[in-house]
N, C-alpha and C. Protein backbone atom coordinates (compact mmCIF):
# COMPACT_ATOMS: atom_id res chain seq x y z
N MET A 1 -10.92 103.34 33.42
CA MET A 1 -12.19 103.82 32.91
C MET A 1 -12.47 105.19 33.55
N ASN A 2 -12.83 106.18 32.75
CA ASN A 2 -13.12 107.50 33.30
C ASN A 2 -14.50 107.53 33.95
N ILE A 3 -14.80 108.60 34.67
CA ILE A 3 -16.04 108.69 35.44
C ILE A 3 -17.26 108.62 34.53
N GLN A 4 -17.23 109.31 33.41
CA GLN A 4 -18.38 109.27 32.48
C GLN A 4 -18.66 107.83 32.04
N ALA A 5 -17.61 107.08 31.72
CA ALA A 5 -17.77 105.69 31.28
C ALA A 5 -18.28 104.82 32.43
N GLN A 6 -17.79 105.06 33.65
CA GLN A 6 -18.27 104.30 34.81
C GLN A 6 -19.76 104.55 35.05
N ILE A 7 -20.18 105.80 34.93
CA ILE A 7 -21.59 106.16 35.11
C ILE A 7 -22.44 105.48 34.05
N LYS A 8 -22.00 105.58 32.81
CA LYS A 8 -22.74 104.97 31.70
C LYS A 8 -22.86 103.46 31.90
N SER A 9 -21.78 102.82 32.30
CA SER A 9 -21.77 101.37 32.53
C SER A 9 -22.69 101.00 33.70
N TYR A 10 -22.64 101.77 34.77
CA TYR A 10 -23.48 101.50 35.94
C TYR A 10 -24.96 101.60 35.57
N ILE A 11 -25.34 102.66 34.90
CA ILE A 11 -26.74 102.82 34.50
C ILE A 11 -27.15 101.69 33.55
N ALA A 12 -26.29 101.36 32.60
CA ALA A 12 -26.59 100.30 31.64
C ALA A 12 -26.73 98.93 32.30
N SER A 13 -26.12 98.74 33.45
CA SER A 13 -26.17 97.44 34.14
C SER A 13 -27.49 97.19 34.87
N GLN A 14 -28.34 98.21 34.96
CA GLN A 14 -29.61 98.07 35.66
C GLN A 14 -30.67 97.41 34.78
N ALA A 15 -31.66 96.79 35.41
CA ALA A 15 -32.79 96.23 34.67
C ALA A 15 -33.49 97.36 33.92
N GLU A 16 -34.17 97.04 32.84
CA GLU A 16 -34.70 98.04 31.92
C GLU A 16 -35.48 99.17 32.59
N ALA A 17 -36.48 98.88 33.39
CA ALA A 17 -37.31 99.94 33.98
C ALA A 17 -36.45 100.89 34.84
N LYS A 18 -35.61 100.32 35.67
CA LYS A 18 -34.75 101.13 36.53
C LYS A 18 -33.72 101.88 35.70
N ARG A 19 -33.21 101.26 34.66
CA ARG A 19 -32.23 101.90 33.78
C ARG A 19 -32.83 103.16 33.15
N SER A 20 -34.04 103.05 32.64
CA SER A 20 -34.70 104.21 32.02
C SER A 20 -34.90 105.34 33.02
N ASP A 21 -35.38 104.99 34.21
CA ASP A 21 -35.58 106.01 35.25
C ASP A 21 -34.26 106.67 35.64
N MET A 22 -33.21 105.88 35.77
CA MET A 22 -31.91 106.43 36.15
C MET A 22 -31.35 107.32 35.05
N GLN A 23 -31.57 106.96 33.79
CA GLN A 23 -31.11 107.81 32.68
C GLN A 23 -31.83 109.15 32.72
N ILE A 24 -33.14 109.11 32.98
CA ILE A 24 -33.92 110.34 33.08
C ILE A 24 -33.39 111.21 34.22
N LEU A 25 -33.16 110.58 35.38
CA LEU A 25 -32.67 111.34 36.54
C LEU A 25 -31.26 111.89 36.31
N HIS A 26 -30.39 111.09 35.71
CA HIS A 26 -29.03 111.56 35.41
C HIS A 26 -29.10 112.80 34.50
N HIS A 27 -29.93 112.73 33.48
CA HIS A 27 -30.09 113.87 32.56
C HIS A 27 -30.67 115.08 33.30
N LEU A 28 -31.68 114.85 34.12
CA LEU A 28 -32.31 115.94 34.87
C LEU A 28 -31.31 116.64 35.77
N ILE A 29 -30.54 115.86 36.53
CA ILE A 29 -29.59 116.45 37.47
C ILE A 29 -28.50 117.23 36.74
N THR A 30 -28.00 116.68 35.64
CA THR A 30 -26.95 117.40 34.90
C THR A 30 -27.52 118.64 34.20
N GLU A 31 -28.80 118.65 33.90
CA GLU A 31 -29.43 119.85 33.35
C GLU A 31 -29.60 120.92 34.44
N LEU A 32 -29.89 120.48 35.66
CA LEU A 32 -30.06 121.43 36.76
C LEU A 32 -28.74 122.08 37.17
N LYS A 33 -27.65 121.36 37.00
CA LYS A 33 -26.32 121.87 37.40
C LYS A 33 -25.32 121.52 36.30
N PRO A 34 -25.43 122.21 35.15
CA PRO A 34 -24.52 121.92 34.03
C PRO A 34 -23.06 122.11 34.43
N GLY A 35 -22.22 121.22 33.99
CA GLY A 35 -20.80 121.33 34.24
C GLY A 35 -20.36 120.99 35.65
N CYS A 36 -21.28 120.47 36.46
CA CYS A 36 -20.89 120.14 37.84
C CYS A 36 -19.93 118.96 37.85
N ARG A 37 -19.20 118.86 38.94
CA ARG A 37 -18.28 117.74 39.09
C ARG A 37 -19.09 116.45 39.20
N LEU A 38 -18.67 115.43 38.46
CA LEU A 38 -19.31 114.12 38.52
C LEU A 38 -18.44 113.18 39.34
N TRP A 39 -19.10 112.29 40.06
CA TRP A 39 -18.43 111.29 40.89
C TRP A 39 -19.00 109.92 40.55
N PHE A 40 -18.22 108.89 40.73
CA PHE A 40 -18.75 107.54 40.73
C PHE A 40 -18.08 106.78 41.86
N LEU A 41 -18.89 106.31 42.79
CA LEU A 41 -18.41 105.53 43.92
C LEU A 41 -18.90 104.10 43.73
N ASP A 42 -17.97 103.16 43.69
CA ASP A 42 -18.36 101.78 43.39
C ASP A 42 -18.91 101.00 44.58
N GLY A 43 -18.98 101.64 45.75
CA GLY A 43 -19.54 101.00 46.92
C GLY A 43 -18.56 100.13 47.70
N LYS A 44 -17.28 100.17 47.31
CA LYS A 44 -16.28 99.34 47.99
C LYS A 44 -15.37 100.21 48.85
N ASN A 45 -14.92 99.63 49.97
CA ASN A 45 -14.00 100.35 50.85
C ASN A 45 -12.55 100.13 50.40
N ASP A 46 -11.61 100.62 51.19
CA ASP A 46 -10.19 100.50 50.85
C ASP A 46 -9.70 99.06 50.76
N GLU A 47 -10.43 98.15 51.42
CA GLU A 47 -10.06 96.73 51.37
C GLU A 47 -10.81 95.98 50.28
N ASN A 48 -11.49 96.74 49.39
CA ASN A 48 -12.24 96.20 48.26
C ASN A 48 -13.47 95.39 48.67
N LYS A 49 -13.98 95.67 49.88
CA LYS A 49 -15.20 95.02 50.35
C LYS A 49 -16.38 95.93 50.06
N ILE A 50 -17.50 95.33 49.66
CA ILE A 50 -18.70 96.10 49.38
C ILE A 50 -19.31 96.60 50.69
N VAL A 51 -19.46 97.93 50.79
CA VAL A 51 -20.02 98.54 51.99
C VAL A 51 -21.28 99.36 51.71
N SER A 52 -21.57 99.59 50.44
CA SER A 52 -22.78 100.33 50.07
C SER A 52 -23.11 100.03 48.61
N ASN A 53 -24.27 100.50 48.17
CA ASN A 53 -24.60 100.41 46.76
C ASN A 53 -23.73 101.39 45.99
N PRO A 54 -23.34 101.05 44.77
CA PRO A 54 -22.64 102.05 43.95
C PRO A 54 -23.52 103.29 43.79
N ASN A 55 -22.90 104.44 43.63
CA ASN A 55 -23.69 105.65 43.43
C ASN A 55 -22.96 106.68 42.58
N ILE A 56 -23.79 107.49 41.94
CA ILE A 56 -23.32 108.58 41.10
C ILE A 56 -23.47 109.86 41.91
N GLY A 57 -22.47 110.71 41.88
CA GLY A 57 -22.54 111.97 42.61
C GLY A 57 -22.43 113.16 41.67
N TYR A 58 -23.01 114.27 42.11
CA TYR A 58 -23.05 115.50 41.33
C TYR A 58 -22.71 116.68 42.24
N GLY A 59 -21.84 117.55 41.76
CA GLY A 59 -21.50 118.75 42.52
C GLY A 59 -20.36 118.50 43.49
N LEU A 60 -20.05 119.52 44.26
CA LEU A 60 -18.94 119.44 45.20
C LEU A 60 -19.33 120.09 46.52
N LEU A 61 -19.12 119.36 47.60
CA LEU A 61 -19.43 119.81 48.94
C LEU A 61 -18.23 119.48 49.81
N THR A 62 -17.80 120.42 50.63
CA THR A 62 -16.75 120.12 51.60
C THR A 62 -17.44 119.85 52.93
N MET A 63 -17.29 118.63 53.41
CA MET A 63 -17.90 118.23 54.67
C MET A 63 -16.89 118.42 55.79
N HIS A 64 -17.32 119.10 56.86
CA HIS A 64 -16.47 119.37 58.00
C HIS A 64 -16.93 118.52 59.18
N TYR A 65 -16.00 117.92 59.88
CA TYR A 65 -16.31 117.02 60.99
C TYR A 65 -15.89 117.63 62.32
N ALA A 66 -16.50 117.14 63.40
CA ALA A 66 -16.25 117.65 64.75
C ALA A 66 -14.79 117.52 65.16
N ASN A 67 -14.09 116.53 64.61
CA ASN A 67 -12.68 116.34 64.99
C ASN A 67 -11.73 117.28 64.24
N GLY A 68 -12.31 118.21 63.47
CA GLY A 68 -11.50 119.20 62.78
C GLY A 68 -11.08 118.81 61.37
N THR A 69 -11.40 117.60 60.95
CA THR A 69 -11.05 117.17 59.60
C THR A 69 -12.16 117.55 58.62
N SER A 70 -11.84 117.49 57.37
CA SER A 70 -12.85 117.73 56.33
C SER A 70 -12.53 116.87 55.13
N ARG A 71 -13.54 116.68 54.29
CA ARG A 71 -13.32 115.95 53.04
C ARG A 71 -14.33 116.41 52.01
N GLU A 72 -13.97 116.24 50.76
CA GLU A 72 -14.85 116.61 49.67
C GLU A 72 -15.79 115.44 49.39
N PHE A 73 -17.02 115.79 49.03
CA PHE A 73 -18.03 114.79 48.72
C PHE A 73 -19.00 115.41 47.73
N TYR A 74 -19.91 114.62 47.21
CA TYR A 74 -20.89 115.17 46.28
C TYR A 74 -22.04 115.86 47.02
N GLN A 75 -22.75 116.73 46.30
CA GLN A 75 -23.92 117.42 46.84
C GLN A 75 -25.17 116.57 46.68
N ILE A 76 -25.32 115.98 45.50
CA ILE A 76 -26.49 115.17 45.16
C ILE A 76 -25.99 113.80 44.72
N GLY A 77 -26.65 112.75 45.20
CA GLY A 77 -26.27 111.39 44.82
C GLY A 77 -27.46 110.65 44.22
N LEU A 78 -27.16 109.70 43.35
CA LEU A 78 -28.15 108.86 42.68
C LEU A 78 -27.68 107.42 42.78
N SER A 79 -28.56 106.55 43.27
CA SER A 79 -28.17 105.16 43.45
C SER A 79 -29.35 104.22 43.23
N ALA A 80 -29.07 103.08 42.62
CA ALA A 80 -30.07 102.01 42.52
C ALA A 80 -29.98 101.20 43.81
N ASN A 81 -31.11 100.71 44.27
CA ASN A 81 -31.12 99.81 45.42
C ASN A 81 -32.08 98.66 45.13
N THR A 82 -32.18 97.72 46.03
CA THR A 82 -32.99 96.53 45.75
C THR A 82 -34.46 96.85 45.54
N SER A 83 -34.95 97.92 46.17
CA SER A 83 -36.37 98.24 46.02
C SER A 83 -36.65 99.40 45.07
N GLY A 84 -35.63 99.99 44.49
CA GLY A 84 -35.86 101.10 43.57
C GLY A 84 -34.66 102.00 43.41
N ILE A 85 -34.89 103.30 43.66
CA ILE A 85 -33.86 104.32 43.44
C ILE A 85 -33.80 105.24 44.66
N SER A 86 -32.60 105.67 44.99
CA SER A 86 -32.39 106.64 46.07
C SER A 86 -31.74 107.89 45.51
N ILE A 87 -32.23 109.04 45.97
CA ILE A 87 -31.60 110.33 45.69
C ILE A 87 -31.12 110.86 47.04
N TYR A 88 -29.84 111.20 47.11
CA TYR A 88 -29.24 111.74 48.33
C TYR A 88 -29.01 113.23 48.16
N ILE A 89 -29.45 114.00 49.13
CA ILE A 89 -29.23 115.44 49.13
C ILE A 89 -28.40 115.72 50.38
N MET A 90 -27.11 115.94 50.16
CA MET A 90 -26.14 115.99 51.25
C MET A 90 -25.93 117.41 51.76
N GLY A 91 -25.53 117.50 53.01
CA GLY A 91 -25.10 118.78 53.57
C GLY A 91 -26.18 119.67 54.14
N ILE A 92 -27.41 119.20 54.20
CA ILE A 92 -28.47 120.02 54.81
C ILE A 92 -28.39 119.81 56.32
N SER A 93 -28.18 120.88 57.04
CA SER A 93 -27.97 120.75 58.49
C SER A 93 -29.26 120.41 59.25
N ASP A 94 -30.41 120.88 58.78
CA ASP A 94 -31.69 120.59 59.42
C ASP A 94 -32.18 119.24 58.91
N LYS A 95 -32.08 118.21 59.73
CA LYS A 95 -32.42 116.85 59.31
C LYS A 95 -33.92 116.63 59.11
N ASP A 96 -34.76 117.61 59.47
CA ASP A 96 -36.20 117.51 59.23
C ASP A 96 -36.62 118.26 57.97
N TYR A 97 -35.69 119.01 57.37
CA TYR A 97 -36.03 119.90 56.27
C TYR A 97 -36.66 119.17 55.07
N LEU A 98 -36.03 118.11 54.59
CA LEU A 98 -36.58 117.41 53.42
C LEU A 98 -37.96 116.83 53.71
N VAL A 99 -38.10 116.23 54.88
CA VAL A 99 -39.38 115.63 55.25
C VAL A 99 -40.47 116.70 55.32
N LYS A 100 -40.19 117.80 56.01
CA LYS A 100 -41.17 118.88 56.17
C LYS A 100 -41.51 119.55 54.83
N THR A 101 -40.49 119.79 54.03
CA THR A 101 -40.67 120.57 52.81
C THR A 101 -41.23 119.75 51.64
N TYR A 102 -40.80 118.49 51.52
CA TYR A 102 -41.15 117.69 50.34
C TYR A 102 -41.86 116.38 50.63
N GLY A 103 -41.83 115.93 51.88
CA GLY A 103 -42.35 114.61 52.23
C GLY A 103 -43.78 114.35 51.82
N LYS A 104 -44.67 115.31 52.05
CA LYS A 104 -46.09 115.11 51.72
C LYS A 104 -46.40 115.39 50.25
N LYS A 105 -45.51 116.09 49.57
CA LYS A 105 -45.76 116.49 48.18
C LYS A 105 -45.18 115.52 47.16
N ILE A 106 -44.17 114.74 47.55
CA ILE A 106 -43.42 113.96 46.57
C ILE A 106 -44.18 112.76 46.02
N GLY A 107 -45.11 112.24 46.79
CA GLY A 107 -45.83 111.05 46.35
C GLY A 107 -45.37 109.83 47.12
N LYS A 108 -45.34 108.71 46.44
CA LYS A 108 -45.03 107.43 47.07
C LYS A 108 -43.52 107.26 47.21
N ALA A 109 -42.98 107.88 48.25
CA ALA A 109 -41.53 107.84 48.50
C ALA A 109 -41.28 107.88 49.99
N SER A 110 -40.15 107.34 50.39
CA SER A 110 -39.68 107.43 51.76
C SER A 110 -38.69 108.60 51.80
N VAL A 111 -38.92 109.54 52.71
CA VAL A 111 -38.07 110.73 52.80
C VAL A 111 -37.48 110.79 54.19
N THR A 112 -36.14 110.91 54.26
CA THR A 112 -35.45 111.04 55.54
C THR A 112 -34.65 112.34 55.54
N GLY A 113 -33.74 112.48 56.47
CA GLY A 113 -32.95 113.69 56.60
C GLY A 113 -32.12 114.05 55.39
N TYR A 114 -31.72 113.06 54.60
CA TYR A 114 -30.91 113.35 53.41
C TYR A 114 -31.22 112.44 52.22
N CYS A 115 -32.25 111.60 52.32
CA CYS A 115 -32.52 110.64 51.25
C CYS A 115 -33.99 110.60 50.87
N MET A 116 -34.23 110.49 49.56
CA MET A 116 -35.58 110.27 49.03
C MET A 116 -35.51 108.95 48.25
N LYS A 117 -36.27 107.97 48.72
CA LYS A 117 -36.23 106.64 48.12
C LYS A 117 -37.61 106.30 47.56
N PHE A 118 -37.62 105.79 46.33
CA PHE A 118 -38.89 105.45 45.67
C PHE A 118 -38.66 104.28 44.73
N LYS A 119 -39.76 103.62 44.36
CA LYS A 119 -39.64 102.44 43.50
C LYS A 119 -39.40 102.84 42.04
N THR A 120 -40.25 103.71 41.52
CA THR A 120 -40.12 104.16 40.13
C THR A 120 -40.51 105.64 40.04
N LEU A 121 -40.13 106.27 38.95
CA LEU A 121 -40.48 107.67 38.75
C LEU A 121 -41.99 107.88 38.66
N LYS A 122 -42.71 106.88 38.17
CA LYS A 122 -44.17 107.05 38.05
C LYS A 122 -44.85 107.14 39.41
N ASP A 123 -44.15 106.75 40.49
CA ASP A 123 -44.71 106.80 41.84
C ASP A 123 -44.57 108.17 42.49
N ILE A 124 -43.80 109.07 41.89
CA ILE A 124 -43.52 110.35 42.54
C ILE A 124 -43.86 111.53 41.62
N ALA A 125 -43.92 112.70 42.23
CA ALA A 125 -44.09 113.94 41.48
C ALA A 125 -42.68 114.41 41.08
N LEU A 126 -42.33 114.22 39.82
CA LEU A 126 -40.98 114.53 39.35
C LEU A 126 -40.63 116.00 39.56
N LYS A 127 -41.59 116.89 39.42
CA LYS A 127 -41.34 118.32 39.63
C LYS A 127 -40.96 118.60 41.09
N VAL A 128 -41.52 117.85 42.03
CA VAL A 128 -41.19 118.01 43.45
C VAL A 128 -39.77 117.51 43.69
N LEU A 129 -39.42 116.37 43.09
CA LEU A 129 -38.05 115.87 43.22
C LEU A 129 -37.06 116.85 42.60
N GLU A 130 -37.41 117.40 41.46
CA GLU A 130 -36.55 118.40 40.81
C GLU A 130 -36.35 119.61 41.72
N ALA A 131 -37.42 120.06 42.37
CA ALA A 131 -37.31 121.19 43.30
C ALA A 131 -36.41 120.86 44.48
N ALA A 132 -36.52 119.63 45.00
CA ALA A 132 -35.67 119.21 46.13
C ALA A 132 -34.20 119.18 45.71
N ILE A 133 -33.92 118.67 44.53
CA ILE A 133 -32.54 118.61 44.03
C ILE A 133 -31.99 120.03 43.82
N SER A 134 -32.79 120.89 43.20
CA SER A 134 -32.37 122.28 43.00
C SER A 134 -32.12 122.95 44.34
N ASP A 135 -33.00 122.70 45.28
CA ASP A 135 -32.86 123.26 46.63
C ASP A 135 -31.55 122.78 47.25
N GLY A 136 -31.23 121.50 47.07
CA GLY A 136 -29.97 120.96 47.58
C GLY A 136 -28.76 121.65 46.98
N PHE A 137 -28.78 121.84 45.68
CA PHE A 137 -27.67 122.56 45.03
C PHE A 137 -27.60 124.00 45.54
N GLU A 138 -28.74 124.68 45.68
CA GLU A 138 -28.77 126.07 46.14
C GLU A 138 -28.28 126.20 47.57
N THR A 139 -28.69 125.30 48.45
CA THR A 139 -28.28 125.34 49.84
C THR A 139 -26.77 125.30 49.94
N HIS A 140 -26.14 124.41 49.15
CA HIS A 140 -24.70 124.28 49.19
C HIS A 140 -24.02 125.50 48.59
N THR A 141 -24.61 126.08 47.58
CA THR A 141 -24.02 127.26 46.95
C THR A 141 -24.01 128.42 47.95
N LYS A 142 -25.10 128.58 48.72
CA LYS A 142 -25.19 129.65 49.70
C LYS A 142 -24.18 129.47 50.83
N GLN A 143 -23.90 128.21 51.20
CA GLN A 143 -22.98 127.94 52.30
C GLN A 143 -21.53 128.13 51.89
N ALA A 144 -21.24 128.00 50.62
CA ALA A 144 -19.85 128.05 50.15
C ALA A 144 -19.24 129.42 50.28
């Protein structure tokens, strides 16, 4: 199954309210970064054990580690979780940036160093989330 089909299947597997929100977010992110690399991570490790929620990724980021290794990963991630939806904005070095910049403006969401978690889209200011996602894409573009 190709990545587009995996993404479509993953979104379709969600309960109706979450499915609709995820479709809106998937469309929004692909509109913000047309033609970006798409990822689908099924949440399983090399031994086929579940280690995280499945997630959709957008864009390309090379992550560098202290031991001198690096790996490619997505810039923006989208995932369903038991309490709602998570948006991951990867590669921001200042772990307080999202909280300081968007935490008070986003609405009813939990904001950490790289994640914005909320129950439904109606609980948040979608324009603020859109700005955070755009900011995430821009930050990575400047670093490249």
